[in-house]
Amino acid sequence: MAKLPDLARRRRVKGKGAGAAFLKYLENAVHSSQNVGIAKIQFVEFVMLALAKDITQSSHAHPEEASLPRLKEYMDYQRKLRHDLVIYHSLDHAKTDLRKNMDECGDGQDKLAGYLRRAFPFSHDTTGADTLLLMLRKLINAQNSTNNWYRLNQFYFAALYDCVERFVKIYNKLVKEQPAKAREYNLSDGVEIDFDDWVSLYFHNLDFMLGKKPAYLHYVFTRRNEAIEEAVVANMKGGKSKKEALEAIKGDFDIDPDTIKIVLGERMEHKDQELFYTSAENPIYENLYDPNSASNVMDDEAPIDRSYFLAHILKGMSRQEADSIVNDLEKTIKK
């Protein structure tokens, strides 16, 4: 576990120390729908999926690796991953398995519904088998594109989450039991993939999970969702409906309209199935590497370096351990 001294060794944060940066990062994450760094650019209707980080890059070196062995170990792990292939194989497996089960179930709607609940726990409620199959085809086509970046809405992020979570379980089992078979995928140089850590780096948020509990820590995103849920409850106590409460706080938390639809249990509409794109030449990730980015809270530190540093602190922690570190930081800074 990362202790307070590990944070204290880092560069000063505009006069307040690295602990303050950690808490500021959590505060920003709670109130913003975007993970660190990615530019909010205009996408056009319809290269790859534009996640919180560039999935084609895996060679980043953190400037503090030499002085922090645990961070070096973490970054060595990151450099082994092929994020683009993780996504491709996850989507391809999900599409093939969904098509197979749709054919086998035929008119057995109850059996198919049971499969969807197990295979797509966060995305099946607002979609259904036919819509999910269409979404997966669109995602695979977008992932195979070399000319554009495609933006996902919350319906698509829910489906992607389900696909990657299920495939990573299968892949990690192969790594342990059939390493030669696992190597055929060329995903991670023989190491298991930490799904919780992967989501923390490559998703903007988990707003589609509002009102539901994930099976993983997802610490920063879980804190955001808890804050949103508390704000919704507070507004509903004042007499608002759930929809009115969400509308009232959406500006405070940068909540997307499709998130509200998902929370209210509304079905995905045809317009929600559209993917929006921008040219691959558009530098949508340049803010990640800019130490003078507007989202920066640390002196001379690029947002991508802050993101990796904080992720390596949280990796492998329980909720209790993560809360303990945050509480200790809050006490230390208040002194």
C-alpha atoms as a PDB file:
ATOM      1  CA  MET A   1       0.000   0.000   0.000  1.00  0.00           C
ATOM      2  CA  ALA A   2       1.179   3.527  -0.702  1.00  0.00           C
ATOM      3  CA  LYS A   3       1.799   5.388   2.544  1.00  0.00           C
ATOM      4  CA  LEU A   4       1.661   9.110   3.193  1.00  0.00           C
ATOM      5  CA  PRO A   5       5.475   9.448   2.999  1.00  0.00           C
ATOM      6  CA  ASP A   6       5.328   8.178  -0.607  1.00  0.00           C
ATOM      7  CA  LEU A   7       3.131  11.128  -1.468  1.00  0.00           C
ATOM      8  CA  ALA A   8       5.226  13.523   0.567  1.00  0.00           C
ATOM      9  CA  ARG A   9       8.317  12.720  -1.523  1.00  0.00           C
ATOM     10  CA  ARG A  10       6.707  14.184  -4.616  1.00  0.00           C
ATOM     11  CA  ARG A  11       6.947  17.704  -5.988  1.00  0.00           C
ATOM     12  CA  ARG A  12       5.132  20.474  -4.206  1.00  0.00           C
ATOM     13  CA  VAL A  13       1.644  21.246  -5.452  1.00  0.00           C
ATOM     14  CA  LYS A  14       1.321  24.959  -5.804  1.00  0.00           C
ATOM     15  CA  GLY A  15       2.491  25.330  -2.221  1.00  0.00           C
ATOM     16  CA  LYS A  16       0.304  22.636  -0.670  1.00  0.00           C
ATOM     17  CA  GLY A  17       2.062  19.287  -1.159  1.00  0.00           C
ATOM     18  CA  ALA A  18       1.269  16.097  -3.080  1.00  0.00           C
ATOM     19  CA  GLY A  19      -1.419  15.054  -0.629  1.00  0.00           C
ATOM     20  CA  ALA A  20      -3.413  18.118  -1.594  1.00  0.00           C
ATOM     21  CA  ALA A  21      -3.093  17.168  -5.249  1.00  0.00           C
ATOM     22  CA  PHE A  22      -4.444  13.712  -4.538  1.00  0.00           C
ATOM     23  CA  LEU A  23      -7.525  15.157  -2.833  1.00  0.00           C
ATOM     24  CA  LYS A  24      -7.929  17.809  -5.530  1.00  0.00           C
ATOM     25  CA  TYR A  25      -7.840  15.070  -8.149  1.00  0.00           C
ATOM     26  CA  LEU A  26     -10.619  13.202  -6.343  1.00  0.00           C
ATOM     27  CA  GLU A  27     -12.682  16.374  -6.050  1.00  0.00           C
ATOM     28  CA  ASN A  28     -12.286  17.118  -9.765  1.00  0.00           C
ATOM     29  CA  ALA A  29     -13.142  13.545 -10.689  1.00  0.00           C
ATOM     30  CA  VAL A  30     -16.329  13.656  -8.623  1.00  0.00           C
ATOM     31  CA  HIS A  31     -17.616  16.762 -10.394  1.00  0.00           C
ATOM     32  CA  SER A  32     -16.384  16.123 -13.941  1.00  0.00           C
ATOM     33  CA  SER A  33     -17.623  13.513 -16.403  1.00  0.00           C
ATOM     34  CA  GLN A  34     -14.200  13.433 -18.108  1.00  0.00           C
ATOM     35  CA  ASN A  35     -11.125  11.537 -16.977  1.00  0.00           C
ATOM     36  CA  VAL A  36      -7.938  13.596 -16.926  1.00  0.00           C
ATOM     37  CA  GLY A  37      -6.569  15.090 -20.084  1.00  0.00           C
ATOM     38  CA  ILE A  38      -8.768  14.321 -23.063  1.00  0.00           C
ATOM     39  CA  ALA A  39      -9.830  17.420 -24.921  1.00  0.00           C
ATOM     40  CA  LYS A  40     -13.528  18.226 -25.235  1.00  0.00           C
ATOM     41  CA  ILE A  41     -13.637  18.578 -29.006  1.00  0.00           C
ATOM     42  CA  GLN A  42     -16.465  18.563 -31.507  1.00  0.00           C
ATOM     43  CA  PHE A  43     -17.116  15.089 -32.914  1.00  0.00           C
ATOM     44  CA  VAL A  44     -18.963  14.613 -36.207  1.00  0.00           C
ATOM     45  CA  GLU A  45     -21.767  12.096 -36.650  1.00  0.00           C
ATOM     46  CA  PHE A  46     -20.443   8.772 -37.357  1.00  0.00           C
ATOM     47  CA  VAL A  47      -9.424   5.179 -36.139  1.00  0.00           C
ATOM     48  CA  MET A  48     -10.530   3.872 -33.031  1.00  0.00           C
ATOM     49  CA  LEU A  49     -12.553   4.251 -29.905  1.00  0.00           C
ATOM     50  CA  ALA A  50     -11.726   7.495 -28.116  1.00  0.00           C
ATOM     51  CA  LEU A  51     -11.360   6.509 -24.476  1.00  0.00           C
ATOM     52  CA  ALA A  52      -9.804   8.541 -21.679  1.00  0.00           C
ATOM     53  CA  LYS A  53      -6.322   7.723 -22.984  1.00  0.00           C
ATOM     54  CA  ASP A  54      -4.944   6.820 -26.384  1.00  0.00           C
ATOM     55  CA  ILE A  55      -5.426   3.045 -26.650  1.00  0.00           C
ATOM     56  CA  THR A  56      -2.769   2.823 -29.373  1.00  0.00           C
ATOM     57  CA  GLN A  57      -0.010   3.954 -26.998  1.00  0.00           C
ATOM     58  CA  SER A  58       1.582   1.785 -24.313  1.00  0.00           C
ATOM     59  CA  SER A  59       5.171   2.979 -24.079  1.00  0.00           C
ATOM     60  CA  HIS A  60       4.791   5.960 -21.740  1.00  0.00           C
ATOM     61  CA  ALA A  61       7.556   6.435 -19.151  1.00  0.00           C
ATOM     62  CA  HIS A  62       6.777   8.244 -15.908  1.00  0.00           C
ATOM     63  CA  PRO A  63       9.487  10.775 -14.943  1.00  0.00           C
ATOM     64  CA  GLU A  64       9.614   9.535 -11.329  1.00  0.00           C
ATOM     65  CA  GLU A  65      10.131   5.852 -12.048  1.00  0.00           C
ATOM     66  CA  ALA A  66      13.826   5.993 -11.150  1.00  0.00           C
ATOM     67  CA  SER A  67      13.121   7.204  -7.605  1.00  0.00           C
ATOM     68  CA  LEU A  68       9.965   5.178  -6.898  1.00  0.00           C
ATOM     69  CA  PRO A  69      10.471   1.414  -7.452  1.00  0.00           C
ATOM     70  CA  ARG A  70       6.790   0.546  -6.989  1.00  0.00           C
ATOM     71  CA  LEU A  71       5.837   3.094  -9.629  1.00  0.00           C
ATOM     72  CA  LYS A  72       8.502   1.658 -11.944  1.00  0.00           C
ATOM     73  CA  GLU A  73       7.032  -1.823 -11.482  1.00  0.00           C
ATOM     74  CA  TYR A  74       3.569  -0.463 -12.229  1.00  0.00           C
ATOM     75  CA  MET A  75       4.672   1.333 -15.391  1.00  0.00           C
ATOM     76  CA  ASP A  76       6.550  -1.776 -16.570  1.00  0.00           C
ATOM     77  CA  TYR A  77       3.232  -3.609 -16.278  1.00  0.00           C
ATOM     78  CA  GLN A  78       1.430  -0.886 -18.238  1.00  0.00           C
ATOM     79  CA  ARG A  79       3.987  -1.070 -21.037  1.00  0.00           C
ATOM     80  CA  LYS A  80       3.222  -4.766 -21.525  1.00  0.00           C
ATOM     81  CA  LEU A  81      -0.439  -4.178 -22.382  1.00  0.00           C
ATOM     82  CA  ARG A  82      -1.939  -3.857 -25.872  1.00  0.00           C
ATOM     83  CA  HIS A  83      -5.037  -1.851 -25.079  1.00  0.00           C
ATOM     84  CA  ASP A  84      -6.304  -1.775 -28.649  1.00  0.00           C
ATOM     85  CA  LEU A  85      -6.223  -5.573 -28.801  1.00  0.00           C
ATOM     86  CA  VAL A  86      -7.830  -5.906 -25.373  1.00  0.00           C
ATOM     87  CA  ILE A  87     -10.783  -3.965 -26.742  1.00  0.00           C
ATOM     88  CA  TYR A  88     -10.900  -5.733 -30.097  1.00  0.00           C
ATOM     89  CA  HIS A  89     -10.840  -9.247 -28.651  1.00  0.00           C
ATOM     90  CA  SER A  90     -13.365  -8.293 -25.966  1.00  0.00           C
ATOM     91  CA  LEU A  91     -15.827  -6.962 -28.543  1.00  0.00           C
ATOM     92  CA  ASP A  92     -15.242  -9.819 -30.962  1.00  0.00           C
ATOM     93  CA  HIS A  93     -15.766 -12.455 -28.264  1.00  0.00           C
ATOM     94  CA  ALA A  94     -18.920 -10.722 -27.033  1.00  0.00           C
ATOM     95  CA  LYS A  95     -20.402 -10.435 -30.530  1.00  0.00           C
ATOM     96  CA  THR A  96     -19.669 -14.063 -31.415  1.00  0.00           C
ATOM     97  CA  ASP A  97     -21.029 -15.350 -28.109  1.00  0.00           C
ATOM     98  CA  LEU A  98     -24.151 -13.173 -28.300  1.00  0.00           C
ATOM     99  CA  ARG A  99     -24.921 -14.336 -31.851  1.00  0.00           C
ATOM    100  CA  LYS A 100     -24.421 -17.967 -30.789  1.00  0.00           C
ATOM    101  CA  ASN A 101     -26.795 -17.647 -27.831  1.00  0.00           C
ATOM    102  CA  MET A 102     -29.412 -15.799 -29.873  1.00  0.00           C
ATOM    103  CA  ASP A 103     -29.393 -18.678 -32.386  1.00  0.00           C
ATOM    104  CA  GLU A 104     -29.480 -21.376 -29.702  1.00  0.00           C
ATOM    105  CA  CYS A 105     -32.243 -19.751 -27.666  1.00  0.00           C
ATOM    106  CA  GLY A 106     -34.489 -19.148 -30.661  1.00  0.00           C
ATOM    107  CA  ASP A 107     -37.925 -18.274 -29.321  1.00  0.00           C
ATOM    108  CA  GLY A 108     -36.878 -19.062 -25.757  1.00  0.00           C
ATOM    109  CA  GLN A 109     -37.004 -15.492 -24.522  1.00  0.00           C
ATOM    110  CA  ASP A 110     -36.604 -16.375 -20.836  1.00  0.00           C
ATOM    111  CA  LYS A 111     -33.411 -18.314 -21.567  1.00  0.00           C
ATOM    112  CA  LEU A 112     -32.046 -15.481 -23.692  1.00  0.00           C
ATOM    113  CA  ALA A 113     -32.956 -12.936 -21.011  1.00  0.00           C
ATOM    114  CA  GLY A 114     -31.009 -14.975 -18.453  1.00  0.00           C
ATOM    115  CA  TYR A 115     -27.976 -15.048 -20.721  1.00  0.00           C
ATOM    116  CA  LEU A 116     -28.136 -11.275 -21.253  1.00  0.00           C
ATOM    117  CA  ARG A 117     -28.279 -10.646 -17.501  1.00  0.00           C
ATOM    118  CA  ARG A 118     -25.146 -12.709 -16.979  1.00  0.00           C
ATOM    119  CA  ALA A 119     -23.169 -11.567 -20.023  1.00  0.00           C
ATOM    120  CA  PHE A 120     -24.208  -7.897 -20.147  1.00  0.00           C
ATOM    121  CA  PRO A 121     -25.160  -6.975 -16.570  1.00  0.00           C
ATOM    122  CA  PHE A 122     -24.884  -3.199 -17.026  1.00  0.00           C
ATOM    123  CA  SER A 123     -26.050  -2.820 -20.611  1.00  0.00           C
ATOM    124  CA  HIS A 124     -28.856  -5.304 -21.242  1.00  0.00           C
ATOM    125  CA  ASP A 125     -31.647  -3.454 -19.391  1.00  0.00           C
ATOM    126  CA  THR A 126     -31.755  -0.502 -21.777  1.00  0.00           C
ATOM    127  CA  THR A 127     -30.937  -2.380 -24.972  1.00  0.00           C
ATOM    128  CA  GLY A 128     -31.838  -6.017 -25.652  1.00  0.00           C
ATOM    129  CA  ALA A 129     -30.188  -8.700 -27.767  1.00  0.00           C
ATOM    130  CA  ASP A 130     -30.798  -7.213 -31.217  1.00  0.00           C
ATOM    131  CA  THR A 131     -29.693  -3.731 -30.203  1.00  0.00           C
ATOM    132  CA  LEU A 132     -26.620  -5.070 -28.410  1.00  0.00           C
ATOM    133  CA  LEU A 133     -25.603  -7.028 -31.486  1.00  0.00           C
ATOM    134  CA  LEU A 134     -25.911  -3.888 -33.605  1.00  0.00           C
ATOM    135  CA  MET A 135     -23.900  -1.893 -31.058  1.00  0.00           C
ATOM    136  CA  LEU A 136     -21.115  -4.468 -30.980  1.00  0.00           C
ATOM    137  CA  ARG A 137     -20.868  -4.463 -34.764  1.00  0.00           C
ATOM    138  CA  LYS A 138     -20.609  -0.680 -34.773  1.00  0.00           C
ATOM    139  CA  LEU A 139     -17.974  -0.723 -32.046  1.00  0.00           C
ATOM    140  CA  ILE A 140     -15.881  -3.306 -33.894  1.00  0.00           C
ATOM    141  CA  ASN A 141     -16.116  -1.326 -37.125  1.00  0.00           C
ATOM    142  CA  ALA A 142     -15.093   1.833 -35.270  1.00  0.00           C
ATOM    143  CA  GLN A 143     -12.220   0.031 -33.556  1.00  0.00           C
ATOM    144  CA  ASN A 144     -10.951  -1.180 -36.919  1.00  0.00           C
ATOM    145  CA  SER A 145     -11.001   2.310 -38.413  1.00  0.00           C
ATOM    146  CA  THR A 146      -7.664   4.031 -39.047  1.00  0.00           C
ATOM    147  CA  ASN A 147      -8.938   7.477 -40.036  1.00  0.00           C
ATOM    148  CA  ASN A 148     -11.111   8.594 -37.142  1.00  0.00           C
ATOM    149  CA  TRP A 149     -11.567   8.653 -33.398  1.00  0.00           C
ATOM    150  CA  TYR A 150     -15.045   7.581 -32.288  1.00  0.00           C
ATOM    151  CA  ARG A 151     -16.747   8.928 -29.186  1.00  0.00           C
ATOM    152  CA  LEU A 152     -18.898   6.630 -27.075  1.00  0.00           C
ATOM    153  CA  ASN A 153     -21.985   7.656 -25.124  1.00  0.00           C
ATOM    154  CA  GLN A 154     -22.961   6.031 -21.823  1.00  0.00           C
ATOM    155  CA  PHE A 155     -24.953   3.260 -23.524  1.00  0.00           C
ATOM    156  CA  TYR A 156     -21.859   2.224 -25.455  1.00  0.00           C
ATOM    157  CA  PHE A 157     -19.562   2.559 -22.445  1.00  0.00           C
ATOM    158  CA  ALA A 158     -21.838   0.221 -20.484  1.00  0.00           C
ATOM    159  CA  ALA A 159     -21.638  -2.356 -23.273  1.00  0.00           C
ATOM    160  CA  LEU A 160     -17.860  -1.960 -23.570  1.00  0.00           C
ATOM    161  CA  TYR A 161     -17.476  -2.393 -19.811  1.00  0.00           C
ATOM    162  CA  ASP A 162     -19.455  -5.642 -19.891  1.00  0.00           C
ATOM    163  CA  CYS A 163     -17.456  -6.969 -22.850  1.00  0.00           C
ATOM    164  CA  VAL A 164     -14.006  -6.186 -21.473  1.00  0.00           C
ATOM    165  CA  GLU A 165     -14.849  -7.390 -17.963  1.00  0.00           C
ATOM    166  CA  ARG A 166     -15.992 -10.782 -19.232  1.00  0.00           C
ATOM    167  CA  PHE A 167     -13.156 -11.254 -21.705  1.00  0.00           C
ATOM    168  CA  VAL A 168     -10.449 -10.258 -19.206  1.00  0.00           C
ATOM    169  CA  LYS A 169     -11.713 -12.978 -16.855  1.00  0.00           C
ATOM    170  CA  ILE A 170     -11.394 -15.528 -19.670  1.00  0.00           C
ATOM    171  CA  TYR A 171      -7.976 -14.235 -20.691  1.00  0.00           C
ATOM    172  CA  ASN A 172      -6.584 -14.179 -17.149  1.00  0.00           C
ATOM    173  CA  LYS A 173      -7.679 -17.783 -16.680  1.00  0.00           C
ATOM    174  CA  LEU A 174      -5.795 -18.701 -19.856  1.00  0.00           C
ATOM    175  CA  VAL A 175      -2.690 -16.904 -18.577  1.00  0.00           C
ATOM    176  CA  LYS A 176      -2.728 -19.135 -15.495  1.00  0.00           C
ATOM    177  CA  GLU A 177      -3.896 -22.419 -17.003  1.00  0.00           C
ATOM    178  CA  GLN A 178      -2.992 -22.278 -20.717  1.00  0.00           C
ATOM    179  CA  PRO A 179      -0.214 -19.682 -21.125  1.00  0.00           C
ATOM    180  CA  ALA A 180       0.576 -20.778 -24.689  1.00  0.00           C
ATOM    181  CA  LYS A 181      -3.040 -20.130 -25.683  1.00  0.00           C
ATOM    182  CA  ALA A 182      -2.989 -16.763 -23.921  1.00  0.00           C
ATOM    183  CA  ARG A 183       0.115 -15.725 -25.877  1.00  0.00           C
ATOM    184  CA  GLU A 184      -1.793 -16.150 -29.132  1.00  0.00           C
ATOM    185  CA  TYR A 185      -3.794 -13.037 -28.245  1.00  0.00           C
ATOM    186  CA  ASN A 186      -0.621 -10.929 -27.851  1.00  0.00           C
ATOM    187  CA  LEU A 187      -2.246  -8.798 -25.155  1.00  0.00           C
ATOM    188  CA  SER A 188      -0.003  -8.586 -22.115  1.00  0.00           C
ATOM    189  CA  ASP A 189       3.284 -10.434 -22.466  1.00  0.00           C
ATOM    190  CA  GLY A 190       2.071 -13.236 -20.216  1.00  0.00           C
ATOM    191  CA  VAL A 191       0.789 -11.204 -17.271  1.00  0.00           C
ATOM    192  CA  GLU A 192      -2.789 -11.031 -16.021  1.00  0.00           C
ATOM    193  CA  ILE A 193      -4.740  -7.852 -16.749  1.00  0.00           C
ATOM    194  CA  ASP A 194      -6.005  -5.882 -13.769  1.00  0.00           C
ATOM    195  CA  PHE A 195      -9.529  -4.943 -14.890  1.00  0.00           C
ATOM    196  CA  ASP A 196     -10.149  -2.493 -12.055  1.00  0.00           C
ATOM    197  CA  ASP A 197      -6.948  -0.624 -12.860  1.00  0.00           C
ATOM    198  CA  TRP A 198      -7.659  -0.717 -16.608  1.00  0.00           C
ATOM    199  CA  VAL A 199     -11.071   0.864 -16.156  1.00  0.00           C
ATOM    200  CA  SER A 200      -9.664   3.575 -13.879  1.00  0.00           C
ATOM    201  CA  LEU A 201      -7.263   4.620 -16.647  1.00  0.00           C
ATOM    202  CA  TYR A 202      -9.354   4.238 -19.808  1.00  0.00           C
ATOM    203  CA  PHE A 203     -12.919   5.127 -18.799  1.00  0.00           C
ATOM    204  CA  HIS A 204     -14.014   8.715 -18.191  1.00  0.00           C
ATOM    205  CA  ASN A 205     -16.473   7.682 -15.497  1.00  0.00           C
ATOM    206  CA  LEU A 206     -18.959   4.942 -14.655  1.00  0.00           C
ATOM    207  CA  ASP A 207     -22.098   7.065 -14.658  1.00  0.00           C
ATOM    208  CA  PHE A 208     -24.067   4.264 -16.308  1.00  0.00           C
ATOM    209  CA  MET A 209     -23.687   2.387 -12.997  1.00  0.00           C
ATOM    210  CA  LEU A 210     -25.533   4.980 -10.925  1.00  0.00           C
ATOM    211  CA  GLY A 211     -27.747   3.139  -8.460  1.00  0.00           C
ATOM    212  CA  LYS A 212     -25.824  -0.115  -8.966  1.00  0.00           C
ATOM    213  CA  LYS A 213     -22.795  -1.590  -7.256  1.00  0.00           C
ATOM    214  CA  PRO A 214     -19.773  -2.804  -9.253  1.00  0.00           C
ATOM    215  CA  ALA A 215     -17.857  -5.924  -8.263  1.00  0.00           C
ATOM    216  CA  TYR A 216     -14.584  -3.948  -8.321  1.00  0.00           C
ATOM    217  CA  LEU A 217     -13.173  -1.030  -6.352  1.00  0.00           C
ATOM    218  CA  HIS A 218     -13.264   1.607  -9.126  1.00  0.00           C
ATOM    219  CA  TYR A 219     -12.456   3.989  -6.290  1.00  0.00           C
ATOM    220  CA  VAL A 220     -12.506   7.405  -7.950  1.00  0.00           C
ATOM    221  CA  PHE A 221     -15.590   6.631 -10.042  1.00  0.00           C
ATOM    222  CA  THR A 222     -17.390   5.045  -7.096  1.00  0.00           C
ATOM    223  CA  ARG A 223     -16.846   8.164  -5.021  1.00  0.00           C
ATOM    224  CA  ARG A 224     -18.277  10.227  -7.869  1.00  0.00           C
ATOM    225  CA  ASN A 225     -21.343   8.008  -8.155  1.00  0.00           C
ATOM    226  CA  GLU A 226     -21.924   8.076  -4.410  1.00  0.00           C
ATOM    227  CA  ALA A 227     -21.778  11.878  -4.416  1.00  0.00           C
ATOM    228  CA  ILE A 228     -24.276  12.014  -7.301  1.00  0.00           C
ATOM    229  CA  GLU A 229     -26.600   9.552  -5.589  1.00  0.00           C
ATOM    230  CA  GLU A 230     -26.476  11.539  -2.356  1.00  0.00           C
ATOM    231  CA  ALA A 231     -27.312  14.735  -4.241  1.00  0.00           C
ATOM    232  CA  VAL A 232     -30.238  13.011  -5.981  1.00  0.00           C
ATOM    233  CA  VAL A 233     -31.613  11.755  -2.655  1.00  0.00           C
ATOM    234  CA  ALA A 234     -31.277  15.215  -1.105  1.00  0.00           C
ATOM    235  CA  ASN A 235     -33.198  16.794  -3.993  1.00  0.00           C
ATOM    236  CA  MET A 236     -35.898  14.130  -3.905  1.00  0.00           C
ATOM    237  CA  LYS A 237     -36.414  14.781  -0.196  1.00  0.00           C
ATOM    238  CA  GLY A 238     -37.210  18.323  -1.221  1.00  0.00           C
ATOM    239  CA  GLY A 239     -40.095  17.070  -3.323  1.00  0.00           C
ATOM    240  CA  LYS A 240     -38.475  16.542  -6.725  1.00  0.00           C
ATOM    241  CA  SER A 241     -38.943  13.409  -8.812  1.00  0.00           C
ATOM    242  CA  LYS A 242     -35.822  11.414  -9.661  1.00  0.00           C
ATOM    243  CA  LYS A 243     -35.781  12.935 -13.140  1.00  0.00           C
ATOM    244  CA  GLU A 244     -36.180  16.451 -11.741  1.00  0.00           C
ATOM    245  CA  ALA A 245     -33.431  15.776  -9.204  1.00  0.00           C
ATOM    246  CA  LEU A 246     -31.029  14.582 -11.897  1.00  0.00           C
ATOM    247  CA  GLU A 247     -31.833  17.587 -14.065  1.00  0.00           C
ATOM    248  CA  ALA A 248     -31.212  19.875 -11.092  1.00  0.00           C
ATOM    249  CA  ILE A 249     -27.713  18.536 -10.388  1.00  0.00           C
ATOM    250  CA  LYS A 250     -26.516  17.641 -13.889  1.00  0.00           C
ATOM    251  CA  GLY A 251     -24.586  20.906 -14.193  1.00  0.00           C
ATOM    252  CA  ASP A 252     -22.835  20.392 -10.845  1.00  0.00           C
ATOM    253  CA  PHE A 253     -21.589  16.952 -11.876  1.00  0.00           C
ATOM    254  CA  ASP A 254     -21.337  17.321 -15.670  1.00  0.00           C
ATOM    255  CA  ILE A 255     -23.890  14.539 -16.205  1.00  0.00           C
ATOM    256  CA  ASP A 256     -24.683  13.550 -19.794  1.00  0.00           C
ATOM    257  CA  PRO A 257     -28.319  13.350 -20.986  1.00  0.00           C
ATOM    258  CA  ASP A 258     -27.909   9.659 -21.842  1.00  0.00           C
ATOM    259  CA  THR A 259     -26.866   8.978 -18.245  1.00  0.00           C
ATOM    260  CA  ILE A 260     -30.193  10.354 -17.062  1.00  0.00           C
ATOM    261  CA  LYS A 261     -32.025   8.081 -19.497  1.00  0.00           C
ATOM    262  CA  ILE A 262     -30.128   5.036 -18.224  1.00  0.00           C
ATOM    263  CA  VAL A 263     -30.749   5.879 -14.560  1.00  0.00           C
ATOM    264  CA  LEU A 264     -34.455   6.284 -15.278  1.00  0.00           C
ATOM    265  CA  GLY A 265     -34.531   2.917 -17.025  1.00  0.00           C
ATOM    266  CA  GLU A 266     -35.412   4.339 -20.432  1.00  0.00           C
ATOM    267  CA  ARG A 267     -34.634   2.248 -23.491  1.00  0.00           C
ATOM    268  CA  MET A 268     -31.907   3.186 -25.932  1.00  0.00           C
ATOM    269  CA  GLU A 269     -33.416   5.083 -28.868  1.00  0.00           C
ATOM    270  CA  HIS A 270     -32.300   5.006 -32.478  1.00  0.00           C
ATOM    271  CA  LYS A 271     -30.538   8.361 -32.115  1.00  0.00           C
ATOM    272  CA  ASP A 272     -28.534   6.953 -29.189  1.00  0.00           C
ATOM    273  CA  GLN A 273     -27.059   4.299 -31.473  1.00  0.00           C
ATOM    274  CA  GLU A 274     -25.090   6.860 -33.466  1.00  0.00           C
ATOM    275  CA  LEU A 275     -21.339   7.031 -33.010  1.00  0.00           C
ATOM    276  CA  PHE A 276     -19.675  10.415 -33.469  1.00  0.00           C
ATOM    277  CA  TYR A 277     -16.199  10.845 -34.862  1.00  0.00           C
ATOM    278  CA  THR A 278     -13.378  13.243 -35.453  1.00  0.00           C
ATOM    279  CA  SER A 279     -10.352  12.886 -37.704  1.00  0.00           C
ATOM    280  CA  ALA A 280      -7.442  10.856 -36.354  1.00  0.00           C
ATOM    281  CA  GLU A 281      -5.326  13.927 -37.142  1.00  0.00           C
ATOM    282  CA  ASN A 282      -7.192  15.892 -34.481  1.00  0.00           C
ATOM    283  CA  PRO A 283      -4.862  15.949 -31.426  1.00  0.00           C
ATOM    284  CA  ILE A 284      -7.537  15.015 -28.888  1.00  0.00           C
ATOM    285  CA  TYR A 285      -4.968  13.700 -26.384  1.00  0.00           C
ATOM    286  CA  GLU A 286      -2.450  16.541 -26.455  1.00  0.00           C
ATOM    287  CA  ASN A 287      -3.682  17.927 -23.106  1.00  0.00           C
ATOM    288  CA  LEU A 288      -2.637  14.674 -21.453  1.00  0.00           C
ATOM    289  CA  TYR A 289       1.015  15.470 -22.070  1.00  0.00           C
ATOM    290  CA  ASP A 290       0.901  19.192 -21.350  1.00  0.00           C
ATOM    291  CA  PRO A 291       2.172  20.115 -17.850  1.00  0.00           C
ATOM    292  CA  ASN A 292       0.536  23.534 -18.316  1.00  0.00           C
ATOM    293  CA  SER A 293      -2.878  22.040 -19.045  1.00  0.00           C
ATOM    294  CA  ALA A 294      -5.838  23.818 -17.481  1.00  0.00           C
ATOM    295  CA  SER A 295      -6.701  20.588 -15.631  1.00  0.00           C
ATOM    296  CA  ASN A 296      -3.262  20.456 -13.993  1.00  0.00           C
ATOM    297  CA  VAL A 297      -3.040  20.778 -10.207  1.00  0.00           C
ATOM    298  CA  MET A 298       0.622  19.875  -9.786  1.00  0.00           C
ATOM    299  CA  ASP A 299       3.635  21.988 -10.631  1.00  0.00           C
ATOM    300  CA  ASP A 300       5.310  20.811 -13.844  1.00  0.00           C
ATOM    301  CA  GLU A 301       3.400  17.535 -14.047  1.00  0.00           C
ATOM    302  CA  ALA A 302       1.485  16.393 -17.113  1.00  0.00           C
ATOM    303  CA  PRO A 303      -2.028  15.055 -16.418  1.00  0.00           C
ATOM    304  CA  ILE A 304      -1.087  11.630 -17.774  1.00  0.00           C
ATOM    305  CA  ASP A 305       1.731  11.345 -15.232  1.00  0.00           C
ATOM    306  CA  ARG A 306      -0.585  12.339 -12.406  1.00  0.00           C
ATOM    307  CA  SER A 307      -3.138   9.797 -13.608  1.00  0.00           C
ATOM    308  CA  TYR A 308      -0.635   6.937 -13.643  1.00  0.00           C
ATOM    309  CA  PHE A 309       0.806   7.944 -10.285  1.00  0.00           C
ATOM    310  CA  LEU A 310      -2.564   7.972  -8.559  1.00  0.00           C
ATOM    311  CA  ALA A 311      -3.601   4.741 -10.267  1.00  0.00           C
ATOM    312  CA  HIS A 312      -0.496   2.986  -9.003  1.00  0.00           C
ATOM    313  CA  ILE A 313      -1.338   4.123  -5.469  1.00  0.00           C
ATOM    314  CA  LEU A 314      -4.855   2.670  -5.654  1.00  0.00           C
ATOM    315  CA  LYS A 315      -3.940  -0.541  -7.484  1.00  0.00           C
ATOM    316  CA  GLY A 316      -4.808  -3.595  -5.402  1.00  0.00           C
ATOM    317  CA  MET A 317      -6.366  -1.657  -2.537  1.00  0.00           C
ATOM    318  CA  SER A 318      -9.599  -2.418  -0.746  1.00  0.00           C
ATOM    319  CA  ARG A 319     -12.199   0.302  -0.235  1.00  0.00           C
ATOM    320  CA  GLN A 320     -11.252   0.494   3.425  1.00  0.00           C
ATOM    321  CA  GLU A 321      -7.570   0.977   2.616  1.00  0.00           C
ATOM    322  CA  ALA A 322      -8.284   3.661   0.008  1.00  0.00           C
ATOM    323  CA  ASP A 323     -10.646   5.512   2.346  1.00  0.00           C
ATOM    324  CA  SER A 324      -8.038   5.328   5.107  1.00  0.00           C
ATOM    325  CA  ILE A 325      -5.418   7.030   2.927  1.00  0.00           C
ATOM    326  CA  VAL A 326      -7.846   9.757   1.865  1.00  0.00           C
ATOM    327  CA  ASN A 327      -8.968  10.343   5.462  1.00  0.00           C
ATOM    328  CA  ASP A 328      -5.360  10.543   6.667  1.00  0.00           C
ATOM    329  CA  LEU A 329      -4.548  13.024   3.904  1.00  0.00           C
ATOM    330  CA  GLU A 330      -7.527  15.178   4.795  1.00  0.00           C
ATOM    331  CA  LYS A 331      -6.464  15.219   8.452  1.00  0.00           C
ATOM    332  CA  THR A 332      -2.847  15.996   7.569  1.00  0.00           C
ATOM    333  CA  ILE A 333      -3.755  18.897   5.277  1.00  0.00           C
ATOM    334  CA  LYS A 334      -6.166  20.413   7.802  1.00  0.00           C
ATOM    335  CA  LYS A 335      -3.431  20.567  10.467  1.00  0.00           C
END
